[in-house]
């Protein structure tokens, strides 16, 4: 399946990464298990800023622990369509 939306939050842990992706209909949790030190997908996720627009592909999974309707997407691919600036300067 494929989902598109804006990055709300990123939780970057040692072995797994979580991204909350939001669009006008709601939010979904994306999960990605790191594959090792040279993992381009993990590096892309680590560099995501809130507000970045992306399309993620993966497998829909049911997990009662997920607070967003009990569903999550196990990532197999990610494509950044529009990167957000990590910090906006204050004038």
PDB file of N, CA and C in Angstrom:
ATOM      1  N   UNK A   1       0.833  -1.168   0.000  1.00  0.00           N
ATOM      2  CA  UNK A   1       0.000   0.000   0.000  1.00  0.00           C
ATOM      3  C   UNK A   1       0.880   1.234   0.000  1.00  0.00           C
ATOM      4  N   UNK A   2       0.314   2.362  -0.373  1.00  0.00           N
ATOM      5  CA  UNK A   2       1.057   3.626  -0.377  1.00  0.00           C
ATOM      6  C   UNK A   2       0.230   4.691   0.331  1.00  0.00           C
ATOM      7  N   UNK A   3       0.895   5.511   1.128  1.00  0.00           N
ATOM      8  CA  UNK A   3       0.259   6.635   1.808  1.00  0.00           C
ATOM      9  C   UNK A   3       1.121   7.871   1.587  1.00  0.00           C
ATOM     10  N   UNK A   4       0.461   9.020   1.518  1.00  0.00           N
ATOM     11  CA  UNK A   4       1.167  10.290   1.357  1.00  0.00           C
ATOM     12  C   UNK A   4       0.671  11.262   2.403  1.00  0.00           C
ATOM     13  N   UNK A   5       1.556  12.144   2.848  1.00  0.00           N
ATOM     14  CA  UNK A   5       1.169  13.147   3.829  1.00  0.00           C
ATOM     15  C   UNK A   5       2.369  13.905   4.338  1.00  0.00           C
ATOM     16  N   UNK A   6       2.114  14.694   5.379  1.00  0.00           N
ATOM     17  CA  UNK A   6       3.138  15.528   5.988  1.00  0.00           C
ATOM     18  C   UNK A   6       3.660  14.873   7.260  1.00  0.00           C
ATOM     19  N   UNK A   7       4.956  14.936   7.459  1.00  0.00           N
ATOM     20  CA  UNK A   7       5.575  14.392   8.665  1.00  0.00           C
ATOM     21  C   UNK A   7       5.157  15.253   9.847  1.00  0.00           C
ATOM     22  N   UNK A   8       4.595  14.604  10.863  1.00  0.00           N
ATOM     23  CA  UNK A   8       4.235  15.300  12.097  1.00  0.00           C
ATOM     24  C   UNK A   8       5.357  15.153  13.122  1.00  0.00           C
ATOM     25  N   UNK A   9       5.790  13.921  13.362  1.00  0.00           N
ATOM     26  CA  UNK A   9       6.890  13.669  14.299  1.00  0.00           C
ATOM     27  C   UNK A   9       7.724  12.484  13.821  1.00  0.00           C
ATOM     28  N   UNK A  10       8.977  12.461  14.277  1.00  0.00           N
ATOM     29  CA  UNK A  10       9.888  11.349  14.006  1.00  0.00           C
ATOM     30  C   UNK A  10      10.492  10.910  15.330  1.00  0.00           C
ATOM     31  N   UNK A  11      10.421   9.609  15.629  1.00  0.00           N
ATOM     32  CA  UNK A  11      11.112   9.039  16.791  1.00  0.00           C
ATOM     33  C   UNK A  11      12.181   8.114  16.233  1.00  0.00           C
ATOM     34  N   UNK A  12      13.420   8.502  16.427  1.00  0.00           N
ATOM     35  CA  UNK A  12      14.559   7.813  15.837  1.00  0.00           C
ATOM     36  C   UNK A  12      15.273   7.032  16.934  1.00  0.00           C
ATOM     37  N   UNK A  13      15.014   5.715  17.007  1.00  0.00           N
ATOM     38  CA  UNK A  13      15.624   4.884  18.032  1.00  0.00           C
ATOM     39  C   UNK A  13      16.732   4.027  17.429  1.00  0.00           C
ATOM     40  N   UNK A  14      17.434   3.301  18.264  1.00  0.00           N
ATOM     41  CA  UNK A  14      18.607   2.546  17.822  1.00  0.00           C
ATOM     42  C   UNK A  14      18.273   1.484  16.771  1.00  0.00           C
ATOM     43  N   UNK A  15      17.213   0.701  16.984  1.00  0.00           N
ATOM     44  CA  UNK A  15      16.898  -0.405  16.083  1.00  0.00           C
ATOM     45  C   UNK A  15      15.650  -0.188  15.239  1.00  0.00           C
ATOM     46  N   UNK A  16      14.808   0.769  15.626  1.00  0.00           N
ATOM     47  CA  UNK A  16      13.557   1.001  14.903  1.00  0.00           C
ATOM     48  C   UNK A  16      13.265   2.500  14.866  1.00  0.00           C
ATOM     49  N   UNK A  17      12.606   2.914  13.796  1.00  0.00           N
ATOM     50  CA  UNK A  17      12.241   4.318  13.640  1.00  0.00           C
ATOM     51  C   UNK A  17      10.726   4.410  13.468  1.00  0.00           C
ATOM     52  N   UNK A  18      10.146   5.479  14.004  1.00  0.00           N
ATOM     53  CA  UNK A  18       8.713   5.723  13.905  1.00  0.00           C
ATOM     54  C   UNK A  18       8.491   7.098  13.294  1.00  0.00           C
ATOM     55  N   UNK A  19       7.546   7.177  12.370  1.00  0.00           N
ATOM     56  CA  UNK A  19       7.167   8.451  11.765  1.00  0.00           C
ATOM     57  C   UNK A  19       5.650   8.546  11.852  1.00  0.00           C
ATOM     58  N   UNK A  20       5.147   9.672  12.358  1.00  0.00           N
ATOM     59  CA  UNK A  20       3.711   9.932  12.320  1.00  0.00           C
ATOM     60  C   UNK A  20       3.469  10.784  11.085  1.00  0.00           C
ATOM     61  N   UNK A  21       2.653  10.252  10.173  1.00  0.00           N
ATOM     62  CA  UNK A  21       2.349  10.912   8.913  1.00  0.00           C
ATOM     63  C   UNK A  21       0.899  11.366   8.956  1.00  0.00           C
ATOM     64  N   UNK A  22       0.646  12.632   8.599  1.00  0.00           N
ATOM     65  CA  UNK A  22      -0.701  13.195   8.691  1.00  0.00           C
ATOM     66  C   UNK A  22      -1.130  13.764   7.343  1.00  0.00           C
ATOM     67  N   UNK A  23      -2.419  13.590   7.053  1.00  0.00           N
ATOM     68  CA  UNK A  23      -3.032  14.274   5.916  1.00  0.00           C
ATOM     69  C   UNK A  23      -4.383  14.809   6.376  1.00  0.00           C
ATOM     70  N   UNK A  24      -5.206  15.288   5.437  1.00  0.00           N
ATOM     71  CA  UNK A  24      -6.469  15.908   5.832  1.00  0.00           C
ATOM     72  C   UNK A  24      -7.451  14.920   6.447  1.00  0.00           C
ATOM     73  N   UNK A  25      -7.259  13.619   6.260  1.00  0.00           N
ATOM     74  CA  UNK A  25      -8.191  12.635   6.803  1.00  0.00           C
ATOM     75  C   UNK A  25      -7.766  12.060   8.153  1.00  0.00           C
ATOM     76  N   UNK A  26      -6.517  12.273   8.564  1.00  0.00           N
ATOM     77  CA  UNK A  26      -6.060  11.740   9.841  1.00  0.00           C
ATOM     78  C   UNK A  26      -4.575  11.462   9.852  1.00  0.00           C
ATOM     79  N   UNK A  27      -4.166  10.539  10.730  1.00  0.00           N
ATOM     80  CA  UNK A  27      -2.742  10.236  10.898  1.00  0.00           C
ATOM     81  C   UNK A  27      -2.526   8.726  10.919  1.00  0.00           C
ATOM     82  N   UNK A  28      -1.306   8.329  10.544  1.00  0.00           N
ATOM     83  CA  UNK A  28      -0.923   6.923  10.569  1.00  0.00           C
ATOM     84  C   UNK A  28       0.525   6.837  11.041  1.00  0.00           C
ATOM     85  N   UNK A  29       0.839   5.751  11.734  1.00  0.00           N
ATOM     86  CA  UNK A  29       2.213   5.524  12.187  1.00  0.00           C
ATOM     87  C   UNK A  29       2.941   4.655  11.170  1.00  0.00           C
ATOM     88  N   UNK A  30       4.145   5.103  10.780  1.00  0.00           N
ATOM     89  CA  UNK A  30       5.026   4.330   9.914  1.00  0.00           C
ATOM     90  C   UNK A  30       6.144   3.774  10.777  1.00  0.00           C
ATOM     91  N   UNK A  31       6.532   2.527  10.563  1.00  0.00           N
ATOM     92  CA  UNK A  31       7.646   1.940  11.310  1.00  0.00           C
ATOM     93  C   UNK A  31       8.678   1.401  10.331  1.00  0.00           C
ATOM     94  N   UNK A  32       9.947   1.496  10.737  1.00  0.00           N
ATOM     95  CA  UNK A  32      11.033   0.976   9.911  1.00  0.00           C
ATOM     96  C   UNK A  32      12.102   0.381  10.812  1.00  0.00           C
ATOM     97  N   UNK A  33      12.429  -0.898  10.583  1.00  0.00           N
ATOM     98  CA  UNK A  33      13.506  -1.559  11.330  1.00  0.00           C
ATOM     99  C   UNK A  33      14.809  -1.332  10.587  1.00  0.00           C
ATOM    100  N   UNK A  34      15.783  -0.767  11.282  1.00  0.00           N
ATOM    101  CA  UNK A  34      17.084  -0.487  10.666  1.00  0.00           C
ATOM    102  C   UNK A  34      17.724  -1.773  10.151  1.00  0.00           C
ATOM    103  N   UNK A  35      18.397  -1.667   9.004  1.00  0.00           N
ATOM    104  CA  UNK A  35      19.021  -2.818   8.361  1.00  0.00           C
ATOM    105  C   UNK A  35      20.524  -2.894   8.594  1.00  0.00           C
ATOM    106  N   UNK A  36      21.104  -1.914   9.271  1.00  0.00           N
ATOM    107  CA  UNK A  36      22.550  -1.898   9.500  1.00  0.00           C
ATOM    108  C   UNK A  36      23.087  -0.480   9.418  1.00  0.00           C
ATOM    109  N   UNK A  37      24.416  -0.359   9.403  1.00  0.00           N
ATOM    110  CA  UNK A  37      25.043   0.960   9.391  1.00  0.00           C
ATOM    111  C   UNK A  37      24.856   1.697   8.069  1.00  0.00           C
ATOM    112  N   UNK A  38      24.916   0.986   6.961  1.00  0.00           N
ATOM    113  CA  UNK A  38      24.802   1.602   5.632  1.00  0.00           C
ATOM    114  C   UNK A  38      23.376   1.434   5.107  1.00  0.00           C
ATOM    115  N   UNK A  39      22.412   2.094   5.737  1.00  0.00           N
ATOM    116  CA  UNK A  39      21.003   1.954   5.392  1.00  0.00           C
ATOM    117  C   UNK A  39      20.474   3.303   4.903  1.00  0.00           C
ATOM    118  N   UNK A  40      20.269   3.437   3.601  1.00  0.00           N
ATOM    119  CA  UNK A  40      19.842   4.709   3.008  1.00  0.00           C
ATOM    120  C   UNK A  40      18.452   5.123   3.489  1.00  0.00           C
ATOM    121  N   UNK A  41      17.538   4.168   3.652  1.00  0.00           N
ATOM    122  CA  UNK A  41      16.189   4.496   4.119  1.00  0.00           C
ATOM    123  C   UNK A  41      16.230   5.030   5.542  1.00  0.00           C
ATOM    124  N   UNK A  42      17.014   4.413   6.414  1.00  0.00           N
ATOM    125  CA  UNK A  42      17.149   4.886   7.796  1.00  0.00           C
ATOM    126  C   UNK A  42      17.758   6.283   7.821  1.00  0.00           C
ATOM    127  N   UNK A  43      18.732   6.544   6.958  1.00  0.00           N
ATOM    128  CA  UNK A  43      19.341   7.874   6.886  1.00  0.00           C
ATOM    129  C   UNK A  43      18.327   8.916   6.421  1.00  0.00           C
ATOM    130  N   UNK A  44      17.484   8.551   5.459  1.00  0.00           N
ATOM    131  CA  UNK A  44      16.440   9.460   4.982  1.00  0.00           C
ATOM    132  C   UNK A  44      15.469   9.790   6.105  1.00  0.00           C
ATOM    133  N   UNK A  45      15.036   8.776   6.855  1.00  0.00           N
ATOM    134  CA  UNK A  45      14.101   8.995   7.961  1.00  0.00           C
ATOM    135  C   UNK A  45      14.737   9.879   9.028  1.00  0.00           C
ATOM    136  N   UNK A  46      15.999   9.646   9.347  1.00  0.00           N
ATOM    137  CA  UNK A  46      16.690  10.453  10.359  1.00  0.00           C
ATOM    138  C   UNK A  46      16.751  11.923   9.967  1.00  0.00           C
ATOM    139  N   UNK A  47      16.784  12.205   8.674  1.00  0.00           N
ATOM    140  CA  UNK A  47      16.882  13.579   8.197  1.00  0.00           C
ATOM    141  C   UNK A  47      15.555  14.276   7.984  1.00  0.00           C
ATOM    142  N   UNK A  48      14.436  13.601   8.265  1.00  0.00           N
ATOM    143  CA  UNK A  48      13.127  14.211   8.052  1.00  0.00           C
ATOM    144  C   UNK A  48      12.841  15.301   9.075  1.00  0.00           C
ATOM    145  N   UNK A  49      12.258  16.393   8.600  1.00  0.00           N
ATOM    146  CA  UNK A  49      11.828  17.483   9.479  1.00  0.00           C
ATOM    147  C   UNK A  49      10.303  17.535   9.463  1.00  0.00           C
ATOM    148  N   UNK A  50       9.716  18.041  10.535  1.00  0.00           N
ATOM    149  CA  UNK A  50       8.264  18.210  10.597  1.00  0.00           C
ATOM    150  C   UNK A  50       7.826  19.089   9.431  1.00  0.00           C
ATOM    151  N   UNK A  51       6.762  18.671   8.757  1.00  0.00           N
ATOM    152  CA  UNK A  51       6.253  19.420   7.621  1.00  0.00           C
ATOM    153  C   UNK A  51       6.712  18.897   6.277  1.00  0.00           C
ATOM    154  N   UNK A  52       7.654  17.958   6.266  1.00  0.00           N
ATOM    155  CA  UNK A  52       8.115  17.357   5.014  1.00  0.00           C
ATOM    156  C   UNK A  52       6.983  16.525   4.411  1.00  0.00           C
ATOM    157  N   UNK A  53       6.766  16.669   3.100  1.00  0.00           N
ATOM    158  CA  UNK A  53       5.734  15.885   2.423  1.00  0.00           C
ATOM    159  C   UNK A  53       6.391  14.677   1.780  1.00  0.00           C
ATOM    160  N   UNK A  54       5.817  13.484   2.010  1.00  0.00           N
ATOM    161  CA  UNK A  54       6.412  12.266   1.460  1.00  0.00           C
ATOM    162  C   UNK A  54       5.355  11.241   1.102  1.00  0.00           C
ATOM    163  N   UNK A  55       5.787  10.262   0.321  1.00  0.00           N
ATOM    164  CA  UNK A  55       4.978   9.094  -0.005  1.00  0.00           C
ATOM    165  C   UNK A  55       5.718   7.871   0.516  1.00  0.00           C
ATOM    166  N   UNK A  56       5.012   7.055   1.285  1.00  0.00           N
ATOM    167  CA  UNK A  56       5.606   5.854   1.876  1.00  0.00           C
ATOM    168  C   UNK A  56       4.879   4.628   1.343  1.00  0.00           C
ATOM    169  N   UNK A  57       5.646   3.581   1.050  1.00  0.00           N
ATOM    170  CA  UNK A  57       5.055   2.313   0.636  1.00  0.00           C
ATOM    171  C   UNK A  57       5.410   1.254   1.675  1.00  0.00           C
ATOM    172  N   UNK A  58       4.513   0.303   1.850  1.00  0.00           N
ATOM    173  CA  UNK A  58       4.771  -0.741   2.830  1.00  0.00           C
ATOM    174  C   UNK A  58       3.570  -1.633   3.029  1.00  0.00           C
ATOM    175  N   UNK A  59       3.593  -2.350   4.145  1.00  0.00           N
ATOM    176  CA  UNK A  59       2.558  -3.316   4.479  1.00  0.00           C
ATOM    177  C   UNK A  59       1.754  -2.818   5.671  1.00  0.00           C
ATOM    178  N   UNK A  60       0.436  -2.823   5.534  1.00  0.00           N
ATOM    179  CA  UNK A  60      -0.446  -2.423   6.623  1.00  0.00           C
ATOM    180  C   UNK A  60      -0.492  -3.539   7.656  1.00  0.00           C
ATOM    181  N   UNK A  61      -0.270  -3.178   8.931  1.00  0.00           N
ATOM    182  CA  UNK A  61      -0.247  -4.163  10.016  1.00  0.00           C
ATOM    183  C   UNK A  61      -1.209  -3.733  11.119  1.00  0.00           C
ATOM    184  N   UNK A  62      -1.798  -4.717  11.777  1.00  0.00           N
ATOM    185  CA  UNK A  62      -2.651  -4.454  12.936  1.00  0.00           C
ATOM    186  C   UNK A  62      -1.823  -4.654  14.200  1.00  0.00           C
ATOM    187  N   UNK A  63      -1.827  -3.642  15.077  1.00  0.00           N
ATOM    188  CA  UNK A  63      -1.090  -3.723  16.343  1.00  0.00           C
ATOM    189  C   UNK A  63      -1.873  -2.941  17.388  1.00  0.00           C
ATOM    190  N   UNK A  64      -2.388  -3.632  18.390  1.00  0.00           N
ATOM    191  CA  UNK A  64      -3.210  -3.006  19.431  1.00  0.00           C
ATOM    192  C   UNK A  64      -2.479  -1.901  20.187  1.00  0.00           C
ATOM    193  N   UNK A  65      -1.149  -1.951  20.226  1.00  0.00           N
ATOM    194  CA  UNK A  65      -0.376  -0.948  20.969  1.00  0.00           C
ATOM    195  C   UNK A  65      -0.368   0.415  20.286  1.00  0.00           C
ATOM    196  N   UNK A  66      -0.681   0.452  18.996  1.00  0.00           N
ATOM    197  CA  UNK A  66      -0.671   1.709  18.244  1.00  0.00           C
ATOM    198  C   UNK A  66      -1.916   2.506  18.593  1.00  0.00           C
ATOM    199  N   UNK A  67      -1.720   3.729  19.053  1.00  0.00           N
ATOM    200  CA  UNK A  67      -2.830   4.562  19.505  1.00  0.00           C
ATOM    201  C   UNK A  67      -3.633   5.165  18.354  1.00  0.00           C
ATOM    202  N   UNK A  68      -3.103   5.109  17.141  1.00  0.00           N
ATOM    203  CA  UNK A  68      -3.777   5.694  15.982  1.00  0.00           C
ATOM    204  C   UNK A  68      -4.643   4.653  15.279  1.00  0.00           C
ATOM    205  N   UNK A  69      -5.656   4.153  15.971  1.00  0.00           N
ATOM    206  CA  UNK A  69      -6.579   3.194  15.381  1.00  0.00           C
ATOM    207  C   UNK A  69      -6.084   1.764  15.337  1.00  0.00           C
ATOM    208  N   UNK A  70      -4.968   1.476  15.995  1.00  0.00           N
ATOM    209  CA  UNK A  70      -4.447   0.118  16.032  1.00  0.00           C
ATOM    210  C   UNK A  70      -3.793  -0.341  14.741  1.00  0.00           C
ATOM    211  N   UNK A  71      -3.483   0.604  13.848  1.00  0.00           N
ATOM    212  CA  UNK A  71      -2.874   0.257  12.567  1.00  0.00           C
ATOM    213  C   UNK A  71      -1.552   0.984  12.380  1.00  0.00           C
ATOM    214  N   UNK A  72      -0.624   0.324  11.685  1.00  0.00           N
ATOM    215  CA  UNK A  72       0.640   0.956  11.325  1.00  0.00           C
ATOM    216  C   UNK A  72       1.080   0.419   9.972  1.00  0.00           C
ATOM    217  N   UNK A  73       1.986   1.147   9.335  1.00  0.00           N
ATOM    218  CA  UNK A  73       2.531   0.724   8.050  1.00  0.00           C
ATOM    219  C   UNK A  73       3.996   0.368   8.253  1.00  0.00           C
ATOM    220  N   UNK A  74       4.349  -0.882   7.959  1.00  0.00           N
ATOM    221  CA  UNK A  74       5.746  -1.315   7.986  1.00  0.00           C
ATOM    222  C   UNK A  74       6.394  -0.885   6.680  1.00  0.00           C
ATOM    223  N   UNK A  75       7.320   0.051   6.750  1.00  0.00           N
ATOM    224  CA  UNK A  75       7.893   0.670   5.552  1.00  0.00           C
ATOM    225  C   UNK A  75       8.744  -0.283   4.724  1.00  0.00           C
ATOM    226  N   UNK A  76       8.562  -0.200   3.410  1.00  0.00           N
ATOM    227  CA  UNK A  76       9.462  -0.872   2.475  1.00  0.00           C
ATOM    228  C   UNK A  76      10.137   0.155   1.574  1.00  0.00           C
ATOM    229  N   UNK A  77       9.561   1.354   1.483  1.00  0.00           N
ATOM    230  CA  UNK A  77      10.151   2.417   0.678  1.00  0.00           C
ATOM    231  C   UNK A  77       9.610   3.773   1.081  1.00  0.00           C
ATOM    232  N   UNK A  78      10.391   4.807   0.801  1.00  0.00           N
ATOM    233  CA  UNK A  78       9.989   6.170   1.146  1.00  0.00           C
ATOM    234  C   UNK A  78      10.516   7.113   0.071  1.00  0.00           C
ATOM    235  N   UNK A  79       9.660   8.060  -0.344  1.00  0.00           N
ATOM    236  CA  UNK A  79      10.045   9.040  -1.355  1.00  0.00           C
ATOM    237  C   UNK A  79       9.658  10.428  -0.859  1.00  0.00           C
ATOM    238  N   UNK A  80      10.649  11.281  -0.656  1.00  0.00           N
ATOM    239  CA  UNK A  80      10.409  12.646  -0.190  1.00  0.00           C
ATOM    240  C   UNK A  80      10.045  13.502  -1.394  1.00  0.00           C
ATOM    241  N   UNK A  81       8.842  14.092  -1.363  1.00  0.00           N
ATOM    242  CA  UNK A  81       8.381  14.940  -2.462  1.00  0.00           C
ATOM    243  C   UNK A  81       8.742  16.399  -2.221  1.00  0.00           C
ATOM    244  N   UNK A  82       8.723  16.820  -0.952  1.00  0.00           N
ATOM    245  CA  UNK A  82       9.042  18.199  -0.606  1.00  0.00           C
ATOM    246  C   UNK A  82       9.591  18.274   0.801  1.00  0.00           C
ATOM    247  N   UNK A  83      10.868  18.604   0.916  1.00  0.00           N
ATOM    248  CA  UNK A  83      11.513  18.675   2.234  1.00  0.00           C
ATOM    249  C   UNK A  83      11.206  20.011   2.898  1.00  0.00           C
ATOM    250  N   UNK A  84      10.937  19.964   4.193  1.00  0.00           N
ATOM    251  CA  UNK A  84      10.703  21.174   4.977  1.00  0.00           C
ATOM    252  C   UNK A  84      12.017  21.646   5.584  1.00  0.00           C
ATOM    253  N   UNK A  85      12.092  22.938   5.854  1.00  0.00           N
ATOM    254  CA  UNK A  85      13.264  23.500   6.520  1.00  0.00           C
ATOM    255  C   UNK A  85      13.175  23.119   7.996  1.00  0.00           C
ATOM    256  N   UNK A  86      14.215  22.480   8.562  1.00  0.00           N
ATOM    257  CA  UNK A  86      14.144  22.003   9.950  1.00  0.00           C
ATOM    258  C   UNK A  86      13.843  23.094  10.977  1.00  0.00           C
ATOM    259  N   UNK A  87      14.465  24.232  10.847  1.00  0.00           N
ATOM    260  CA  UNK A  87      14.231  25.313  11.803  1.00  0.00           C
ATOM    261  C   UNK A  87      14.002  26.603  11.041  1.00  0.00           C
ATOM    262  N   UNK A  88      12.893  27.258  11.349  1.00  0.00           N
ATOM    263  CA  UNK A  88      12.599  28.532  10.720  1.00  0.00           C
ATOM    264  C   UNK A  88      13.209  29.641  11.565  1.00  0.00           C
ATOM    265  N   UNK A  89      13.994  30.522  10.961  1.00  0.00           N
ATOM    266  CA  UNK A  89      14.592  31.607  11.743  1.00  0.00           C
ATOM    267  C   UNK A  89      13.532  32.587  12.231  1.00  0.00           C
ATOM    268  N   UNK A  90      13.742  33.106  13.416  1.00  0.00           N
ATOM    269  CA  UNK A  90      12.823  34.083  13.999  1.00  0.00           C
ATOM    270  C   UNK A  90      13.400  35.469  13.755  1.00  0.00           C
ATOM    271  N   UNK A  91      12.586  36.340  13.178  1.00  0.00           N
ATOM    272  CA  UNK A  91      13.060  37.695  12.859  1.00  0.00           C
ATOM    273  C   UNK A  91      12.889  38.619  14.035  1.00  0.00           C
TER     274      UNK A  91
END
